[in-house]
Amino acid sequence: MDQGYPALAGDGSGGAIIAWRDWRSDVSDIYAQRIANAPPTANAPADITTTTTGTETIGWTLTDDQGPGRYRVLVTNSSVTNQEWVGLTAWVNGVAFNVSIDRNAAGTASYTIEYTDDQGVAGMSDTVIVIVTVTGGIPGFPVGLLLGVAGLAMFYLTRRARRAST
């Protein structure tokens, strides 16, 4: 046997260092090999502008040198800060997945993905800003106010028409 006395140590960043004694060519020496565990990475989907009746989703793809892992998505909007939108969920290495958007009200929200690989090494979080607008009408103009103005105009014109006919 040309090799013996293996030893293993963590490298402090999710990888390991393996060391052993080797007697190749009748010369004794110590060898070491670092096994890296790089953090997983995420694509960076573009920010989204949509409507309350839209169908867009956030499409993320996570990749890692070791395999799959787990992720969660947090949402921040005018009502909540870092509320869990998607609980811990398994992801498959290199396979895209879609995260739904809250369309219950118009406004701006940020969706942040946090993820780790199967060894617990965390990747850098990614955030997508989503702007949801109300379908139809004038953007930023309250529908109730528009209906109220239209109602007053109808009342005024009806009253004016009655005066003119008497």
C-alpha atoms as a PDB file:
ATOM      1  CA  MET A   1       0.000   0.000   0.000  1.00  0.00           C
ATOM      2  CA  ASP A   2       1.436   3.350  -1.064  1.00  0.00           C
ATOM      3  CA  GLN A   3      -0.965   5.606   0.923  1.00  0.00           C
ATOM      4  CA  GLY A   4      -2.132   5.758   4.529  1.00  0.00           C
ATOM      5  CA  TYR A   5      -3.020   7.804   7.604  1.00  0.00           C
ATOM      6  CA  PRO A   6      -5.870   9.836   6.078  1.00  0.00           C
ATOM      7  CA  ALA A   7      -7.136  12.883   7.994  1.00  0.00           C
ATOM      8  CA  LEU A   8     -10.116  15.143   7.322  1.00  0.00           C
ATOM      9  CA  ALA A   9     -10.760  18.707   8.505  1.00  0.00           C
ATOM     10  CA  GLY A  10     -13.374  21.348   7.697  1.00  0.00           C
ATOM     11  CA  ASP A  11     -12.091  24.458   5.941  1.00  0.00           C
ATOM     12  CA  GLY A  12     -14.528  26.847   7.655  1.00  0.00           C
ATOM     13  CA  SER A  13     -16.448  27.683   4.477  1.00  0.00           C
ATOM     14  CA  GLY A  14     -18.405  24.502   3.856  1.00  0.00           C
ATOM     15  CA  GLY A  15     -15.594  22.552   2.221  1.00  0.00           C
ATOM     16  CA  ALA A  16     -13.039  20.102   3.572  1.00  0.00           C
ATOM     17  CA  ILE A  17      -9.334  19.367   3.487  1.00  0.00           C
ATOM     18  CA  ILE A  18      -8.208  15.766   3.164  1.00  0.00           C
ATOM     19  CA  ALA A  19      -4.569  14.965   4.035  1.00  0.00           C
ATOM     20  CA  TRP A  20      -2.671  11.653   3.809  1.00  0.00           C
ATOM     21  CA  ARG A  21       0.821  10.193   3.799  1.00  0.00           C
ATOM     22  CA  ASP A  22       2.055   8.815   0.511  1.00  0.00           C
ATOM     23  CA  TRP A  23       5.095   6.598  -0.206  1.00  0.00           C
ATOM     24  CA  ARG A  24       5.187   6.811  -3.988  1.00  0.00           C
ATOM     25  CA  SER A  25       8.524   5.861  -5.464  1.00  0.00           C
ATOM     26  CA  ASP A  26       9.705   4.855  -1.986  1.00  0.00           C
ATOM     27  CA  VAL A  27       9.756   8.521  -0.893  1.00  0.00           C
ATOM     28  CA  SER A  28       7.498   9.488   2.019  1.00  0.00           C
ATOM     29  CA  ASP A  29       5.551  12.737   1.707  1.00  0.00           C
ATOM     30  CA  ILE A  30       2.313  14.299   2.961  1.00  0.00           C
ATOM     31  CA  TYR A  31      -0.334  15.354   0.456  1.00  0.00           C
ATOM     32  CA  ALA A  32      -3.476  17.438   0.957  1.00  0.00           C
ATOM     33  CA  GLN A  33      -6.480  18.145  -1.216  1.00  0.00           C
ATOM     34  CA  ARG A  34      -9.070  20.832  -0.600  1.00  0.00           C
ATOM     35  CA  ILE A  35     -12.633  19.913  -1.542  1.00  0.00           C
ATOM     36  CA  ALA A  36     -14.506  23.176  -2.073  1.00  0.00           C
ATOM     37  CA  ASN A  37     -18.206  23.646  -1.581  1.00  0.00           C
ATOM     38  CA  ALA A  38     -19.027  26.837  -3.438  1.00  0.00           C
ATOM     39  CA  PRO A  39     -22.233  28.621  -2.441  1.00  0.00           C
ATOM     40  CA  PRO A  40     -25.261  28.195  -4.697  1.00  0.00           C
ATOM     41  CA  THR A  41     -26.167  30.991  -7.101  1.00  0.00           C
ATOM     42  CA  ALA A  42     -29.417  32.462  -8.409  1.00  0.00           C
ATOM     43  CA  ASN A  43     -30.307  34.116 -11.668  1.00  0.00           C
ATOM     44  CA  ALA A  44     -31.518  37.719 -11.323  1.00  0.00           C
ATOM     45  CA  PRO A  45     -35.010  38.043 -12.810  1.00  0.00           C
ATOM     46  CA  ALA A  46     -36.000  41.525 -13.986  1.00  0.00           C
ATOM     47  CA  ASP A  47     -38.317  43.684 -11.906  1.00  0.00           C
ATOM     48  CA  ILE A  48     -41.978  43.347 -12.916  1.00  0.00           C
ATOM     49  CA  THR A  49     -44.777  45.846 -13.578  1.00  0.00           C
ATOM     50  CA  THR A  50     -48.172  44.165 -13.827  1.00  0.00           C
ATOM     51  CA  THR A  51     -51.873  44.629 -13.080  1.00  0.00           C
ATOM     52  CA  THR A  52     -54.265  43.111 -10.569  1.00  0.00           C
ATOM     53  CA  THR A  53     -55.493  40.803 -13.355  1.00  0.00           C
ATOM     54  CA  GLY A  54     -52.058  39.968 -14.813  1.00  0.00           C
ATOM     55  CA  THR A  55     -50.495  36.519 -14.966  1.00  0.00           C
ATOM     56  CA  GLU A  56     -46.760  37.188 -14.541  1.00  0.00           C
ATOM     57  CA  THR A  57     -44.715  35.225 -12.012  1.00  0.00           C
ATOM     58  CA  ILE A  58     -41.152  35.556 -10.752  1.00  0.00           C
ATOM     59  CA  GLY A  59     -38.953  32.950 -12.447  1.00  0.00           C
ATOM     60  CA  TRP A  60     -35.903  31.956 -10.424  1.00  0.00           C
ATOM     61  CA  THR A  61     -33.296  29.286 -11.218  1.00  0.00           C
ATOM     62  CA  LEU A  62     -30.864  28.127  -8.525  1.00  0.00           C
ATOM     63  CA  THR A  63     -27.650  26.244  -9.286  1.00  0.00           C
ATOM     64  CA  ASP A  64     -24.944  24.670  -7.140  1.00  0.00           C
ATOM     65  CA  ASP A  65     -21.770  22.626  -7.538  1.00  0.00           C
ATOM     66  CA  GLN A  66     -23.031  20.009  -5.053  1.00  0.00           C
ATOM     67  CA  GLY A  67     -26.687  19.563  -6.042  1.00  0.00           C
ATOM     68  CA  PRO A  68     -30.111  20.713  -4.811  1.00  0.00           C
ATOM     69  CA  GLY A  69     -31.120  22.631  -1.705  1.00  0.00           C
ATOM     70  CA  ARG A  70     -33.921  24.606  -0.062  1.00  0.00           C
ATOM     71  CA  TYR A  71     -35.283  28.127  -0.525  1.00  0.00           C
ATOM     72  CA  ARG A  72     -37.874  30.491   0.886  1.00  0.00           C
ATOM     73  CA  VAL A  73     -39.294  33.794  -0.372  1.00  0.00           C
ATOM     74  CA  LEU A  74     -39.989  36.831   1.807  1.00  0.00           C
ATOM     75  CA  VAL A  75     -42.291  39.701   0.796  1.00  0.00           C
ATOM     76  CA  THR A  76     -42.195  43.317   1.915  1.00  0.00           C
ATOM     77  CA  ASN A  77     -44.968  45.760   0.995  1.00  0.00           C
ATOM     78  CA  SER A  78     -46.911  48.616   2.638  1.00  0.00           C
ATOM     79  CA  SER A  79     -48.490  46.154   5.116  1.00  0.00           C
ATOM     80  CA  VAL A  80     -45.691  43.711   6.031  1.00  0.00           C
ATOM     81  CA  THR A  81     -41.903  43.521   6.264  1.00  0.00           C
ATOM     82  CA  ASN A  82     -40.093  40.281   5.414  1.00  0.00           C
ATOM     83  CA  GLN A  83     -43.196  38.127   5.760  1.00  0.00           C
ATOM     84  CA  GLU A  84     -42.668  34.563   4.578  1.00  0.00           C
ATOM     85  CA  TRP A  85     -44.438  34.317   1.212  1.00  0.00           C
ATOM     86  CA  VAL A  86     -43.135  30.848   0.298  1.00  0.00           C
ATOM     87  CA  GLY A  87     -42.025  28.588   3.159  1.00  0.00           C
ATOM     88  CA  LEU A  88     -38.937  26.376   2.976  1.00  0.00           C
ATOM     89  CA  THR A  89     -39.206  24.444  -0.274  1.00  0.00           C
ATOM     90  CA  ALA A  90     -36.828  22.031  -2.009  1.00  0.00           C
ATOM     91  CA  TRP A  91     -35.252  23.168  -5.283  1.00  0.00           C
ATOM     92  CA  VAL A  92     -33.720  21.064  -8.036  1.00  0.00           C
ATOM     93  CA  ASN A  93     -30.298  22.083  -9.327  1.00  0.00           C
ATOM     94  CA  GLY A  94     -30.581  24.179 -12.501  1.00  0.00           C
ATOM     95  CA  VAL A  95     -34.368  23.801 -12.853  1.00  0.00           C
ATOM     96  CA  ALA A  96     -36.461  26.995 -13.099  1.00  0.00           C
ATOM     97  CA  PHE A  97     -39.416  27.518 -10.767  1.00  0.00           C
ATOM     98  CA  ASN A  98     -42.063  30.252 -10.593  1.00  0.00           C
ATOM     99  CA  VAL A  99     -43.183  32.263  -7.579  1.00  0.00           C
ATOM    100  CA  SER A 100     -46.660  33.811  -7.669  1.00  0.00           C
ATOM    101  CA  ILE A 101     -47.270  37.529  -7.108  1.00  0.00           C
ATOM    102  CA  ASP A 102     -49.783  38.996  -4.620  1.00  0.00           C
ATOM    103  CA  ARG A 103     -52.347  40.797  -6.793  1.00  0.00           C
ATOM    104  CA  ASN A 104     -54.934  41.552  -4.087  1.00  0.00           C
ATOM    105  CA  ALA A 105     -54.146  45.269  -4.101  1.00  0.00           C
ATOM    106  CA  ALA A 106     -52.257  47.798  -6.171  1.00  0.00           C
ATOM    107  CA  GLY A 107     -48.862  48.860  -4.868  1.00  0.00           C
ATOM    108  CA  THR A 108     -45.166  48.057  -4.778  1.00  0.00           C
ATOM    109  CA  ALA A 109     -43.673  44.979  -3.139  1.00  0.00           C
ATOM    110  CA  SER A 110     -40.265  43.351  -2.967  1.00  0.00           C
ATOM    111  CA  TYR A 111     -39.859  39.583  -3.144  1.00  0.00           C
ATOM    112  CA  THR A 112     -36.560  38.275  -1.750  1.00  0.00           C
ATOM    113  CA  ILE A 113     -35.342  34.702  -2.178  1.00  0.00           C
ATOM    114  CA  GLU A 114     -33.068  33.144   0.451  1.00  0.00           C
ATOM    115  CA  TYR A 115     -31.554  29.739  -0.314  1.00  0.00           C
ATOM    116  CA  THR A 116     -29.011  27.130   0.741  1.00  0.00           C
ATOM    117  CA  ASP A 117     -27.515  24.052  -0.865  1.00  0.00           C
ATOM    118  CA  ASP A 118     -27.888  20.552   0.588  1.00  0.00           C
ATOM    119  CA  GLN A 119     -24.825  21.176   2.787  1.00  0.00           C
ATOM    120  CA  GLY A 120     -26.382  24.315   4.334  1.00  0.00           C
ATOM    121  CA  VAL A 121     -24.148  26.775   2.464  1.00  0.00           C
ATOM    122  CA  ALA A 122     -26.150  29.951   1.756  1.00  0.00           C
ATOM    123  CA  GLY A 123     -26.196  31.798  -1.544  1.00  0.00           C
ATOM    124  CA  MET A 124     -26.555  35.563  -1.962  1.00  0.00           C
ATOM    125  CA  SER A 125     -30.217  36.548  -1.728  1.00  0.00           C
ATOM    126  CA  ASP A 126     -31.902  38.115  -4.755  1.00  0.00           C
ATOM    127  CA  THR A 127     -34.742  40.651  -4.714  1.00  0.00           C
ATOM    128  CA  VAL A 128     -37.326  41.396  -7.405  1.00  0.00           C
ATOM    129  CA  ILE A 129     -39.431  44.578  -7.189  1.00  0.00           C
ATOM    130  CA  VAL A 130     -43.035  44.132  -8.338  1.00  0.00           C
ATOM    131  CA  ILE A 131     -45.381  47.036  -9.093  1.00  0.00           C
ATOM    132  CA  VAL A 132     -49.064  46.077  -9.304  1.00  0.00           C
ATOM    133  CA  THR A 133     -51.512  48.586 -10.816  1.00  0.00           C
ATOM    134  CA  VAL A 134     -55.299  48.473 -11.040  1.00  0.00           C
ATOM    135  CA  THR A 135     -56.626  47.265 -14.385  1.00  0.00           C
ATOM    136  CA  GLY A 136     -58.358  49.965 -16.448  1.00  0.00           C
ATOM    137  CA  GLY A 137     -58.932  53.623 -15.609  1.00  0.00           C
ATOM    138  CA  ILE A 138     -56.289  56.279 -15.400  1.00  0.00           C
ATOM    139  CA  PRO A 139     -53.208  54.985 -13.562  1.00  0.00           C
ATOM    140  CA  GLY A 140     -53.047  56.541 -10.113  1.00  0.00           C
ATOM    141  CA  PHE A 141     -56.550  58.037 -10.409  1.00  0.00           C
ATOM    142  CA  PRO A 142     -59.046  56.567  -7.928  1.00  0.00           C
ATOM    143  CA  VAL A 143     -62.004  54.937  -9.639  1.00  0.00           C
ATOM    144  CA  GLY A 144     -64.419  56.164  -6.937  1.00  0.00           C
ATOM    145  CA  LEU A 145     -63.451  59.784  -7.563  1.00  0.00           C
ATOM    146  CA  LEU A 146     -63.902  59.311 -11.301  1.00  0.00           C
ATOM    147  CA  LEU A 147     -67.397  57.843 -10.785  1.00  0.00           C
ATOM    148  CA  GLY A 148     -68.282  60.643  -8.361  1.00  0.00           C
ATOM    149  CA  VAL A 149     -67.280  63.351 -10.847  1.00  0.00           C
ATOM    150  CA  ALA A 150     -69.241  61.586 -13.606  1.00  0.00           C
ATOM    151  CA  GLY A 151     -72.299  61.386 -11.320  1.00  0.00           C
ATOM    152  CA  LEU A 152     -72.119  65.098 -10.475  1.00  0.00           C
ATOM    153  CA  ALA A 153     -71.795  65.958 -14.156  1.00  0.00           C
ATOM    154  CA  MET A 154     -74.913  63.885 -14.969  1.00  0.00           C
ATOM    155  CA  PHE A 155     -76.828  65.559 -12.110  1.00  0.00           C
ATOM    156  CA  TYR A 156     -75.808  69.029 -13.308  1.00  0.00           C
ATOM    157  CA  LEU A 157     -76.689  68.330 -16.950  1.00  0.00           C
ATOM    158  CA  THR A 158     -80.054  66.774 -16.030  1.00  0.00           C
ATOM    159  CA  ARG A 159     -80.966  69.726 -13.808  1.00  0.00           C
ATOM    160  CA  ARG A 160     -79.891  72.213 -16.484  1.00  0.00           C
ATOM    161  CA  ALA A 161     -81.969  70.390 -19.114  1.00  0.00           C
ATOM    162  CA  ARG A 162     -85.052  70.554 -16.835  1.00  0.00           C
ATOM    163  CA  ARG A 163     -84.637  74.316 -16.297  1.00  0.00           C
ATOM    164  CA  ALA A 164     -84.277  74.906 -20.007  1.00  0.00           C
ATOM    165  CA  SER A 165     -87.500  73.009 -20.750  1.00  0.00           C
ATOM    166  CA  THR A 166     -89.616  75.021 -18.248  1.00  0.00           C
END
